Each structure stands twice: as C-alpha cells, then as structure tokens.
Protein backbone atom coordinates (compact mmCIF):
# COMPACT_ATOMS: atom_id res chain seq x y z
CA MET A 1 -30.48 -15.22 7.12
CA GLU A 2 -27.11 -15.78 8.80
CA TYR A 3 -25.17 -14.57 6.04
CA LEU A 4 -27.44 -11.44 5.66
CA VAL A 5 -26.88 -10.63 9.52
CA ILE A 6 -23.20 -11.01 8.94
CA SER A 7 -23.17 -8.79 5.85
CA ILE A 8 -25.31 -5.72 7.97
CA CYS A 9 -22.55 -6.43 11.03
CA LEU A 10 -19.34 -5.62 8.20
CA ILE A 11 -20.98 -3.27 6.25
CA SER A 12 -21.49 -1.68 10.00
CA PHE A 13 -18.29 -2.00 10.50
CA LEU A 14 -16.94 -0.53 7.32
CA ILE A 15 -18.66 2.86 8.51
CA ILE A 16 -17.19 3.03 12.06
CA LEU A 17 -13.90 2.10 10.68
CA LYS A 18 -13.99 4.80 8.03
CA PHE A 19 -15.01 7.43 10.43
CA VAL A 20 -12.57 6.49 13.32
CA PHE A 21 -9.67 6.30 10.34
CA GLY A 22 -10.69 9.56 8.92
CA TYR A 23 -10.54 8.18 5.08
CA SER A 24 -10.60 11.14 2.93
CA LYS A 25 -9.19 10.53 -0.55
CA LYS A 26 -10.18 14.18 -1.36
CA GLN A 27 -7.56 15.44 1.79
CA ILE A 28 -5.19 13.42 0.86
CA LYS A 29 -4.88 14.86 -3.36
CA ALA A 30 -5.12 18.07 -1.30
CA ILE A 31 -2.22 17.50 0.66
CA GLY A 32 -0.14 16.03 -2.14
CA GLU A 33 -1.10 19.06 -4.85
CA ASN A 34 1.71 22.23 -3.43
CA GLU A 35 2.90 23.89 -6.70
CA GLU A 36 5.81 25.68 -4.77
CA LEU A 37 6.97 22.17 -3.42
CA ASP A 38 6.90 20.43 -6.88
CA LYS A 39 8.83 22.99 -8.26
CA ILE A 40 11.64 22.56 -5.11
CA ALA A 41 11.11 18.94 -6.33
CA LEU A 42 12.10 19.40 -10.50
CA LYS A 43 15.63 20.36 -8.84
CA TYR A 44 16.28 16.75 -8.14
CA PRO A 45 17.72 14.25 -10.41
CA GLU A 46 15.58 11.70 -12.74
CA ASN A 47 13.67 8.77 -10.77
CA ILE A 48 16.18 6.12 -11.22
CA GLU A 49 19.13 8.51 -10.23
CA ILE A 50 16.97 9.18 -7.06
CA CYS A 51 16.06 5.07 -6.00
CA LYS A 52 19.79 4.42 -7.00
CA LYS A 53 21.08 7.10 -4.35
CA TYR A 54 18.36 5.48 -1.91
CA LEU A 55 19.34 1.55 -2.34
CA LYS A 56 23.64 3.02 -1.85
CA MET A 57 22.72 4.71 1.17
CA LEU A 58 20.37 1.42 2.24
CA ASN A 59 23.34 -0.80 1.59
CA ASN A 60 21.17 -2.71 -0.92
CA GLU A 61 22.19 -2.12 -4.67
CA ASP A 62 21.77 -5.58 -6.09
CA VAL A 63 18.06 -4.16 -7.12
CA MET A 64 16.96 -3.69 -10.43
CA ILE A 65 14.91 -0.80 -11.03
CA GLU A 66 12.81 0.09 -14.08
CA GLU A 67 10.48 3.19 -14.84
CA ASP A 68 7.39 2.50 -16.61
CA LYS A 69 5.26 5.07 -18.06
CA ASN A 70 2.18 2.57 -17.87
CA VAL A 71 1.86 1.89 -14.24
CA THR A 72 0.39 4.95 -11.92
CA ASN A 73 1.91 3.31 -8.77
CA SER A 74 5.54 2.34 -8.16
CA LEU A 75 6.25 -0.71 -6.39
CA TYR A 76 8.63 -3.25 -5.39
CA ILE A 77 8.23 -7.17 -7.26
CA ALA A 78 9.61 -9.23 -3.81
CA THR A 79 10.25 -12.35 -6.51
CA SER A 80 12.43 -10.41 -9.12
CA ASN A 81 14.12 -8.22 -6.70
CA LYS A 82 12.93 -5.22 -8.85
CA ILE A 83 11.76 -1.68 -8.53
CA VAL A 84 8.92 -0.31 -10.93
CA ILE A 85 8.56 3.40 -10.80
CA ALA A 86 5.79 5.44 -11.92
CA ASP A 87 6.62 7.91 -14.44
CA VAL A 88 5.61 10.64 -12.03
CA LYS A 89 8.50 13.74 -12.10
CA ASN A 90 6.34 16.47 -11.21
CA SER A 91 5.31 16.18 -7.67
CA PHE A 92 7.25 16.60 -4.83
CA THR A 93 5.54 13.19 -3.40
CA ARG A 94 8.02 11.34 -5.42
CA ILE A 95 11.16 11.67 -3.34
CA GLN A 96 9.32 10.04 -0.65
CA THR A 97 7.48 7.15 -2.72
CA ILE A 98 10.77 6.23 -4.14
CA ALA A 99 12.24 6.06 -0.74
CA HIS A 100 8.85 4.03 0.19
CA GLU A 101 9.48 1.48 -2.25
CA CYS A 102 13.45 1.04 -1.46
CA LEU A 103 12.91 0.52 2.22
CA HIS A 104 10.23 -2.39 0.76
CA SER A 105 13.68 -3.99 -0.88
CA VAL A 106 15.33 -4.44 2.54
CA GLN A 107 12.53 -5.86 4.41
CA ASP A 108 13.13 -9.46 5.60
CA ARG A 109 12.68 -11.53 2.43
CA LYS A 110 11.02 -14.36 4.37
CA ILE A 111 8.18 -12.21 5.07
CA LEU A 112 7.86 -10.12 1.62
CA ILE A 113 8.03 -13.62 -0.19
CA PHE A 114 5.36 -15.18 1.85
CA ASN A 115 3.38 -12.10 1.93
CA PHE A 116 3.47 -12.64 -1.97
CA ILE A 117 2.64 -16.50 -2.08
CA TYR A 118 0.27 -15.97 0.63
CA SER A 119 -1.66 -13.17 -0.73
CA ASN A 120 -1.97 -15.15 -4.43
CA ILE A 121 -2.85 -18.21 -2.79
CA TYR A 122 -5.90 -16.47 -0.75
CA MET A 123 -6.84 -14.70 -3.65
CA LEU A 124 -7.25 -18.07 -5.83
CA TYR A 125 -9.31 -19.53 -2.67
CA PHE A 126 -11.54 -16.38 -2.66
CA LEU A 127 -12.40 -17.38 -6.51
CA VAL A 128 -12.34 -20.69 -6.49
CA ILE A 129 -15.12 -20.63 -3.09
CA SER A 130 -17.21 -17.97 -4.93
CA VAL A 131 -17.45 -20.07 -8.25
CA LEU A 132 -18.36 -23.40 -6.26
CA ALA A 133 -21.01 -21.35 -4.30
CA ILE A 134 -22.85 -20.00 -7.93
CA PHE A 135 -22.81 -22.83 -8.78
CA LYS A 136 -24.26 -24.81 -5.45
CA LEU A 137 -20.96 -26.89 -5.54
CA LEU A 138 -19.85 -25.93 -2.06
CA PRO A 139 -20.84 -27.92 1.08
CA ASN A 140 -20.98 -26.09 4.24
CA LYS A 141 -20.50 -22.68 3.33
CA MET A 142 -20.42 -21.15 6.55
CA LEU A 143 -17.23 -23.06 7.19
CA PHE A 144 -15.60 -21.88 4.25
CA LEU A 145 -16.41 -18.38 5.39
CA VAL A 146 -14.92 -18.62 8.20
CA ILE A 147 -11.68 -19.86 6.72
CA LEU A 148 -12.04 -16.91 4.41
CA ILE A 149 -12.01 -14.57 6.97
CA ILE A 150 -9.47 -15.97 9.20
CA GLY A 151 -7.49 -15.94 6.00
CA GLY A 152 -8.37 -12.80 4.99
CA LEU A 153 -6.80 -10.85 8.82
CA VAL A 154 -3.63 -12.75 7.97
CA ASN A 155 -3.32 -11.38 4.67
CA TYR A 156 -3.94 -7.80 5.85
CA PHE A 157 -1.99 -7.98 9.05
CA VAL A 158 1.59 -9.32 6.81
CA ARG A 159 0.40 -6.51 4.45
CA SER A 160 -0.08 -3.68 6.90
CA TYR A 161 3.25 -4.64 8.67
CA LEU A 162 5.20 -4.10 5.74
CA GLU A 163 3.51 -1.16 4.33
CA ASN A 164 3.60 0.54 7.30
CA ASP A 165 6.96 0.01 8.24
CA ALA A 166 8.02 1.12 4.81
CA MET A 167 5.35 4.27 5.20
CA ILE A 168 7.04 5.48 8.62
CA LYS A 169 10.53 4.97 7.51
CA ALA A 170 10.28 6.66 4.09
CA ARG A 171 9.88 10.28 5.68
CA PHE A 172 13.41 9.45 7.67
CA LEU A 173 15.26 8.48 4.69
CA ALA A 174 14.07 11.14 2.47
CA LYS A 175 15.03 13.72 4.99
CA GLU A 176 18.42 12.14 5.12
CA TYR A 177 18.95 11.68 1.27
CA MET A 178 17.74 15.78 0.95
CA GLU A 179 20.38 16.77 3.44
CA LYS A 180 22.87 14.76 2.09
CA GLU A 181 22.65 15.76 -1.16
CA LYS A 182 22.19 20.11 -0.83
CA ILE A 183 20.29 20.53 -3.98
CA SER A 184 17.71 22.94 -1.49
CA THR A 185 18.24 24.70 1.13
CA GLN A 186 17.81 23.57 4.75
CA GLU A 187 14.12 25.83 4.83
CA GLU A 188 12.87 23.94 1.47
CA ILE A 189 13.92 20.82 2.83
CA ASN A 190 11.96 21.34 6.11
CA LYS A 191 8.95 22.57 4.42
CA ILE A 192 8.75 19.19 2.33
CA VAL A 193 8.82 16.76 4.97
CA ASN A 194 6.70 18.90 6.83
CA ALA A 195 4.07 18.35 3.68
CA PHE A 196 5.25 14.46 4.13
CA ASP A 197 4.45 14.62 7.58
CA LYS A 198 0.42 15.73 6.79
CA LEU A 199 0.42 13.38 3.95
CA ASN A 200 1.44 10.70 6.39
CA THR A 201 -0.57 11.32 9.37
CA ILE A 202 -3.41 10.85 6.94
CA GLY A 203 -1.79 8.63 4.47
CA ILE A 204 -0.76 6.09 7.11
CA LYS A 205 -4.44 5.58 8.16
CA SER A 206 -5.96 5.77 5.06
CA VAL A 207 -3.80 2.60 3.67
CA ASN A 208 -4.86 0.68 6.88
CA TYR A 209 -8.24 1.29 5.83
CA VAL A 210 -8.11 0.30 2.21
CA LEU A 211 -6.34 -3.05 3.12
CA LEU A 212 -9.11 -4.09 5.61
CA LEU A 213 -11.67 -2.71 3.35
CA ASN A 214 -10.65 -4.70 0.06
CA LYS A 215 -10.98 -8.01 2.38
CA ILE A 216 -14.31 -7.34 4.38
CA LEU A 217 -15.68 -6.38 0.79
CA GLN A 218 -14.59 -9.82 -0.28
CA PHE A 219 -16.41 -11.25 2.93
CA ILE A 220 -19.30 -9.43 1.95
CA ILE A 221 -19.26 -10.46 -1.59
CA PHE A 222 -19.44 -14.12 -0.69
CA CYS A 223 -21.78 -13.63 1.95
CA ILE A 224 -24.41 -11.94 -0.93
CA ILE A 225 -23.02 -14.96 -3.19
CA CYS A 226 -24.40 -17.48 -0.62
CA MET A 227 -27.72 -15.83 0.01
CA MET A 228 -28.44 -15.58 -3.62
CA ARG A 229 -27.73 -19.43 -3.97
C-alpha cells in the first residue's frame, strides 16, 4: 500500500512540475525552426571549424573533435576529453549547441568525472535492485527505495548544475564568436541571439524538468515492481 501512495505522490509531483516549468516540446521545436535564421547560419563554417574557434577562445585546444552522422545530439565526453558533434548543418541552433559542448570541456574536471562515474554507479544500482526485487531477493525494499531517491536527487543536482552552467554561458560565447568573425551583420547577429534567448527561456526550464522526470520515473518503476512482487 505504501508503494502505491508513494507512486501517486510522485506522479502528482510530476504533473505539478510540468505545469510550473511549462514544458512544451512543440514550442521548443517551433522556436528552433526559422528559415530566415537558418539561411544566415549557412554562411558560417563547418561545425568542426566553429568548434575549433570556440575552443581557441576558451584557451582549451587539446580537446578532440569528431562529427558523427549517426548521433542526433552533440555531446562532450569527459573521460576521453572529446566533443562529438551531431551532423546538423542546416539549423541556426548549431552555433549555440557547439558552444554549449565546448563550455562543458572547460568545466571543473573533478565534477565532470564525478558525474560520469556516479551516473553509471547509480544506473547500475537501479538495475540491480530492480532485478532483485522482481525475483523477491531484496530484503527491506523501502530502505533501498530511500537510497535510490537520495542517490537520484544527488545525480540530478550535479547534472543540472553542469547543464545549466553550459546553457547559460553558451549564448554569450556564441554571440562573441559571431561578432568576432564578422560573417553576419550586427542586425543578423541580434536576430540570432534574440532567438537564442527565446529558446533558452523555455529550453533551460525544459532540460531541468526532463532530467528530474527521468529520475522520478525510475522511482515510480521501482515502486511498481515492489507492488507487483
């Protein structure tokens, strides 16, 4: 019965959070689709060249860069100090997205490595206790749920700090890059930056919501397993 109550509370919490954060995938997609700005962004170099310029501006040119046509989201891999750029060339958002990943590369390395190791340990913990609960091999399931919740919140706070830091600073780095390169007019740059501002206003809240959503869904899944067994 207690797992049912916890699940209902968690689901209610998610509904409230969605309302508070104003999460809307369609709205984010609509802002990110702008033919006028996409045409302006086409004037800029290839993604790898933009990435190199950002890293030079950040005094961090030791990072490996790779463009992968098989990935949909760009990412920075802390363990190998490598930026993998998604093969996206026709969107103005690429200018800010690449800046975001480059900013990850200059964040506190201790936090980045901790996030990587801790995230993997946490996921392994979730999978192990779920399997043990399914086969009725887990004593005191409530204690393991409490540990899961605490561990998940720690994971969320560390990851959200890293993402928020990169998301907030990316807009300024992208603007500085565009003004330095002088490929576009100041009016065109202002239009792109204004679009970044609109995108970030919704996007930053949405990323935080999705990160927390993923953790809470894990809590709910474990509660459901405990109810079934």
